[in-house]
Amino acid sequence: MDTNKTTILIIRHNGDAVKSYTINTRYLENIKKLIFATGTLFTVFFLVLIALFVNSNNIKFDNRSYLTTSSSESSILKSVDTITLNEKLNRINYNLSQISDFLVERGIITSDNKEENVTPYYYGNYSSVKTMEEESVVFLKTLTSLPIGLPYDGKMSSEYGLRSNPFGGRGGEFHPGIDFKGPYGDAVYATGEGIVEDNDWNGGYGNAVVINHKFGLTTLYGHLSKVNVNKGDKVRAGDLIGFIGSTGRSTGPHLHYEIRKNGDDIDPNPFLKLNL
């Protein structure tokens, strides 16, 4: 038996075989690996992809895969040949690989996790394969727009929320972001795709970059020694936007990082590793 191939056998309700397809098992395995590796992401997108996998219950993919459908759907499936199905799975596989690579790049998953093997069962139907192809494109575009991962890979020196006065003395203050301690001049990177809204002096933040993302989200990178982008620039996750400094209200070189939703600061921590 060729274990590199998966057979899909289409069966009517009366048990008569209608048609069979042979598909590269690698496509199906990569899909399952991505489902496993990106489990925490589904909460971000209103469980869109979970619905695609959980609500489908008529097809089972493994080295002996069977499909039971209604008569009307069987008629549709009869017109779909192996090439068409392989093309769709190939596109899904490519999109999911892009998603996986992006998550590794942003530090959300590790390359080891990406390659991990998973349970050999997958449930769905042909219509969900078509939908998955479309949703995987939307999913990738949505994912790259979210500010996820670290803007700077350094030690976190101050958390979001109430803290003591960093300049000494009595009392405390509310800290609307996260601080990362680092050497003067270290590179700072955008955490998501968006448009640079501001790249100038910003009061206590000193030299700061503000990036406008989708979904009402903006990110702010403060106390920079130097800014590397212009207002109106389109940036992607991982683009160099500035360098660590100590401008504005600062006790020493560090990066102040904020995420805002519709203008209000929110805790950035869930976005660093997508622990939502």
Protein backbone atom coordinates (compact mmCIF):
# COMPACT_ATOMS: atom_id res chain seq x y z
CA MET A 1 0.00 0.00 0.00
CA ASP A 2 1.26 3.47 -0.88
CA THR A 3 1.13 5.36 2.43
CA ASN A 4 1.83 8.64 0.60
CA LYS A 5 -1.64 8.55 -0.88
CA THR A 6 -5.06 8.79 0.71
CA THR A 7 -8.14 7.29 -0.89
CA ILE A 8 -11.54 8.94 -0.63
CA LEU A 9 -14.36 6.52 -1.39
CA ILE A 10 -17.75 8.11 -2.09
CA ILE A 11 -20.64 5.86 -1.03
CA ARG A 12 -24.37 6.27 -1.40
CA HIS A 13 -26.61 5.61 1.59
CA ASN A 14 -27.55 2.23 0.11
CA GLY A 15 -23.89 1.17 0.26
CA ASP A 16 -23.10 1.24 -3.47
CA ALA A 17 -19.73 2.78 -4.33
CA VAL A 18 -20.04 5.85 -6.50
CA LYS A 19 -16.49 7.05 -7.07
CA SER A 20 -13.04 7.10 -5.49
CA TYR A 21 -10.28 9.70 -5.46
CA THR A 22 -6.58 9.43 -4.66
CA ILE A 23 -5.07 12.42 -2.83
CA ASN A 24 -1.58 13.18 -1.58
CA THR A 25 -1.61 12.36 2.15
CA ARG A 26 0.86 15.21 2.81
CA TYR A 27 -1.88 17.76 2.15
CA LEU A 28 -4.13 16.21 4.76
CA GLU A 29 -1.35 15.74 7.31
CA ASN A 30 -0.25 19.38 7.01
CA ILE A 31 -3.82 20.54 7.51
CA LYS A 32 -4.08 18.43 10.67
CA LYS A 33 -0.73 19.70 11.97
CA LEU A 34 -1.86 23.30 11.52
CA ILE A 35 -5.15 22.64 13.27
CA PHE A 36 -3.21 21.25 16.23
CA ALA A 37 -0.57 23.98 16.31
CA THR A 38 -2.93 26.94 16.05
CA GLY A 39 -5.61 25.80 18.47
CA THR A 40 -5.36 28.98 20.55
CA LEU A 41 -5.92 31.17 17.51
CA PHE A 42 -9.49 30.14 16.89
CA THR A 43 -10.80 32.29 19.75
CA VAL A 44 -9.45 35.35 17.94
CA PHE A 45 -11.59 34.78 14.89
CA PHE A 46 -14.90 33.86 16.55
CA LEU A 47 -14.22 30.15 16.12
CA VAL A 48 -14.71 30.40 12.37
CA LEU A 49 -12.40 27.53 11.55
CA ILE A 50 -13.59 25.39 14.45
CA ALA A 51 -17.07 25.50 12.96
CA LEU A 52 -15.71 24.24 9.66
CA PHE A 53 -14.18 21.19 11.27
CA VAL A 54 -16.59 20.41 14.09
CA ASN A 55 -19.87 20.93 12.25
CA SER A 56 -18.85 18.72 9.33
CA ASN A 57 -19.49 15.06 9.96
CA ASN A 58 -19.79 13.25 6.65
CA ILE A 59 -16.21 12.62 5.55
CA LYS A 60 -13.31 10.89 7.28
CA PHE A 61 -9.76 11.30 5.98
CA ASP A 62 -7.06 8.72 6.81
CA ASN A 63 -5.34 5.91 4.90
CA ARG A 64 -8.82 4.35 4.58
CA SER A 65 -11.16 7.32 4.14
CA TYR A 66 -14.91 7.14 3.56
CA LEU A 67 -17.51 9.72 2.62
CA THR A 68 -21.23 9.37 3.24
CA THR A 69 -23.38 12.17 1.86
CA SER A 70 -26.93 12.97 0.91
CA SER A 71 -28.02 12.04 -2.60
CA SER A 72 -27.98 15.67 -3.71
CA GLU A 73 -24.43 16.23 -2.50
CA SER A 74 -23.35 12.94 -4.08
CA SER A 75 -24.52 14.32 -7.41
CA ILE A 76 -22.25 17.31 -6.94
CA LEU A 77 -19.34 15.14 -5.88
CA LYS A 78 -19.72 12.96 -8.97
CA SER A 79 -18.80 15.95 -11.13
CA VAL A 80 -15.64 16.71 -9.18
CA ASP A 81 -12.59 14.82 -10.37
CA THR A 82 -9.34 14.08 -8.59
CA ILE A 83 -7.50 17.00 -10.20
CA THR A 84 -10.03 19.57 -8.95
CA LEU A 85 -9.97 18.18 -5.43
CA ASN A 86 -6.18 18.05 -5.39
CA GLU A 87 -5.97 21.65 -6.61
CA LYS A 88 -8.19 22.84 -3.76
CA LEU A 89 -6.28 20.83 -1.18
CA ASN A 90 -3.03 22.11 -2.63
CA ARG A 91 -4.18 25.72 -2.20
CA ILE A 92 -5.42 25.02 1.33
CA ASN A 93 -2.13 23.33 2.15
CA TYR A 94 -0.18 26.32 0.82
CA ASN A 95 -2.27 28.84 2.77
CA LEU A 96 -1.98 26.83 5.98
CA SER A 97 1.78 26.55 5.47
CA GLN A 98 1.91 30.35 5.13
CA ILE A 99 -0.08 30.69 8.37
CA SER A 100 2.21 28.25 10.14
CA ASP A 101 5.37 29.99 8.90
CA PHE A 102 3.97 33.36 10.00
CA LEU A 103 3.21 32.05 13.50
CA VAL A 104 6.72 30.63 13.81
CA GLU A 105 8.16 33.96 12.62
CA ARG A 106 6.14 35.87 15.22
CA GLY A 107 7.20 33.48 18.00
CA ILE A 108 3.66 32.20 18.62
CA ILE A 109 4.57 28.58 17.89
CA THR A 110 7.94 26.86 17.54
CA SER A 111 9.18 25.05 14.47
CA ASP A 112 9.12 21.83 16.51
CA ASN A 113 5.46 22.38 17.31
CA LYS A 114 4.77 23.07 13.65
CA GLU A 115 6.10 19.66 12.66
CA GLU A 116 4.42 17.71 15.44
CA ASN A 117 2.34 14.68 14.48
CA VAL A 118 -1.31 14.54 15.45
CA THR A 119 -4.25 12.14 15.61
CA PRO A 120 -4.87 10.50 12.24
CA TYR A 121 -8.53 11.46 11.92
CA TYR A 122 -10.17 14.40 10.18
CA TYR A 123 -13.88 14.96 9.59
CA GLY A 124 -15.47 17.17 6.97
CA ASN A 125 -17.22 17.11 3.57
CA TYR A 126 -16.52 18.39 0.08
CA SER A 127 -18.44 21.63 0.59
CA SER A 128 -16.32 22.37 3.66
CA VAL A 129 -13.15 21.73 1.63
CA LYS A 130 -14.27 24.47 -0.75
CA THR A 131 -15.16 26.74 2.17
CA MET A 132 -11.85 26.00 3.88
CA GLU A 133 -10.01 27.16 0.78
CA GLU A 134 -11.78 30.53 0.96
CA GLU A 135 -11.57 30.82 4.75
CA SER A 136 -7.85 30.02 4.80
CA VAL A 137 -7.23 33.11 2.65
CA VAL A 138 -9.35 35.31 4.95
CA PHE A 139 -7.72 33.74 8.00
CA LEU A 140 -4.20 34.56 6.78
CA LYS A 141 -5.11 38.17 5.93
CA THR A 142 -6.79 38.62 9.32
CA LEU A 143 -3.90 37.04 11.18
CA THR A 144 -1.23 39.27 9.61
CA SER A 145 -3.25 42.38 10.54
CA LEU A 146 -3.35 41.54 14.25
CA PRO A 147 -0.56 42.93 16.47
CA ILE A 148 0.77 39.60 17.77
CA GLY A 149 4.15 38.55 19.09
CA LEU A 150 6.94 40.65 20.58
CA PRO A 151 8.00 44.12 19.38
CA TYR A 152 11.37 43.53 21.04
CA ASP A 153 12.87 40.32 22.38
CA GLY A 154 14.10 41.60 25.70
CA LYS A 155 13.39 41.42 29.42
CA MET A 156 10.02 42.77 30.48
CA SER A 157 10.74 45.41 33.11
CA SER A 158 7.26 46.77 33.85
CA GLU A 159 3.84 45.16 33.42
CA TYR A 160 0.49 46.60 32.38
CA GLY A 161 -1.58 47.99 35.25
CA LEU A 162 -0.92 49.59 38.63
CA ARG A 163 2.70 50.04 39.62
CA SER A 164 4.81 52.04 42.04
CA ASN A 165 6.21 55.36 40.91
CA PRO A 166 9.29 54.51 38.78
CA PHE A 167 10.83 57.87 39.70
CA GLY A 168 10.68 57.11 43.41
CA GLY A 169 8.66 58.72 46.14
CA ARG A 170 5.27 57.72 47.45
CA GLY A 171 2.21 56.69 45.55
CA GLY A 172 1.74 54.76 42.37
CA GLU A 173 0.41 55.10 38.88
CA PHE A 174 -1.42 53.17 36.21
CA HIS A 175 0.91 51.90 33.50
CA PRO A 176 -1.03 51.64 30.19
CA GLY A 177 1.45 49.32 28.48
CA ILE A 178 4.45 47.03 28.87
CA ASP A 179 8.10 48.05 29.16
CA PHE A 180 10.97 46.05 27.69
CA LYS A 181 14.46 46.82 28.96
CA GLY A 182 17.22 46.83 26.36
CA PRO A 183 20.46 48.48 25.25
CA TYR A 184 20.31 51.88 23.64
CA GLY A 185 19.95 51.53 19.86
CA ASP A 186 18.51 47.99 19.73
CA ALA A 187 15.99 47.44 16.93
CA VAL A 188 12.22 47.63 17.52
CA TYR A 189 9.80 45.87 15.17
CA ALA A 190 6.14 46.27 14.19
CA THR A 191 3.92 43.51 15.58
CA GLY A 192 1.33 43.59 12.81
CA GLU A 193 0.47 44.97 9.41
CA GLY A 194 -0.88 48.51 9.37
CA ILE A 195 -0.40 52.17 8.50
CA VAL A 196 1.93 54.48 10.45
CA GLU A 197 -0.37 57.04 12.05
CA ASP A 198 2.30 59.03 13.90
CA ASN A 199 6.11 59.06 14.01
CA ASP A 200 6.90 62.17 16.02
CA TRP A 201 7.43 63.45 19.54
CA ASN A 202 4.51 62.34 21.70
CA GLY A 203 4.71 64.01 25.13
CA GLY A 204 5.85 61.65 27.88
CA TYR A 205 6.33 58.87 25.32
CA GLY A 206 9.14 60.85 23.68
CA ASN A 207 9.87 59.77 20.13
CA ALA A 208 7.05 57.37 19.36
CA VAL A 209 5.55 55.40 16.49
CA VAL A 210 1.81 54.71 16.34
CA ILE A 211 0.54 52.07 13.90
CA ASN A 212 -3.11 51.78 12.93
CA HIS A 213 -4.14 48.16 12.38
CA LYS A 214 -7.56 46.75 11.46
CA PHE A 215 -10.40 45.99 13.89
CA GLY A 216 -9.95 49.28 15.78
CA LEU A 217 -6.52 48.26 17.08
CA THR A 218 -3.48 50.55 17.28
CA THR A 219 -0.02 49.96 18.70
CA LEU A 220 2.35 52.52 20.23
CA TYR A 221 6.12 52.17 20.54
CA GLY A 222 7.56 54.82 22.87
CA HIS A 223 10.84 56.33 24.15
CA LEU A 224 12.62 55.56 20.87
CA SER A 225 16.06 57.02 20.24
CA LYS A 226 15.34 57.14 16.52
CA VAL A 227 12.31 56.50 14.30
CA ASN A 228 12.73 54.46 11.12
CA VAL A 229 9.33 55.03 9.43
CA ASN A 230 7.35 57.94 8.06
CA LYS A 231 3.75 58.89 8.67
CA GLY A 232 1.53 57.12 6.14
CA ASP A 233 3.95 54.24 5.56
CA LYS A 234 2.46 50.77 5.25
CA VAL A 235 4.32 48.31 7.46
CA ARG A 236 4.16 44.57 7.99
CA ALA A 237 4.79 42.45 11.06
CA GLY A 238 8.52 42.26 11.66
CA ASP A 239 9.40 45.52 9.88
CA LEU A 240 12.01 47.70 11.58
CA ILE A 241 10.27 50.83 12.87
CA GLY A 242 12.75 52.37 15.32
CA PHE A 243 15.43 51.91 17.96
CA ILE A 244 15.36 51.69 21.74
CA GLY A 245 16.08 54.92 23.56
CA SER A 246 15.20 56.95 26.62
CA THR A 247 13.33 59.95 25.22
CA GLY A 248 10.38 61.50 27.03
CA ARG A 249 9.46 60.48 30.59
CA SER A 250 11.94 57.68 31.04
CA THR A 251 14.32 56.32 33.68
CA GLY A 252 16.65 54.66 31.16
CA PRO A 253 16.76 52.97 27.76
CA HIS A 254 13.71 50.78 27.20
CA LEU A 255 10.73 50.27 24.91
CA HIS A 256 7.24 51.21 26.06
CA TYR A 257 4.67 49.16 24.12
CA GLU A 258 0.91 49.74 24.10
CA ILE A 259 -2.08 48.20 22.35
CA ARG A 260 -5.27 50.23 22.12
CA LYS A 261 -8.75 49.18 21.11
CA ASN A 262 -10.87 52.04 19.75
CA GLY A 263 -8.56 54.47 21.52
CA ASP A 264 -8.57 52.76 24.93
CA ASP A 265 -5.49 50.98 26.22
CA ILE A 266 -5.81 47.22 26.76
CA ASP A 267 -3.49 44.61 28.26
CA PRO A 268 -0.94 43.64 25.57
CA ASN A 269 -0.03 40.35 27.29
CA PRO A 270 -2.66 38.16 25.59
CA PHE A 271 -1.33 39.26 22.19
CA LEU A 272 2.27 38.33 22.94
CA LYS A 273 1.57 34.59 22.82
CA LEU A 274 -2.13 34.62 21.91
CA ASN A 275 -3.18 33.40 25.35
CA LEU A 276 -6.72 34.68 24.87
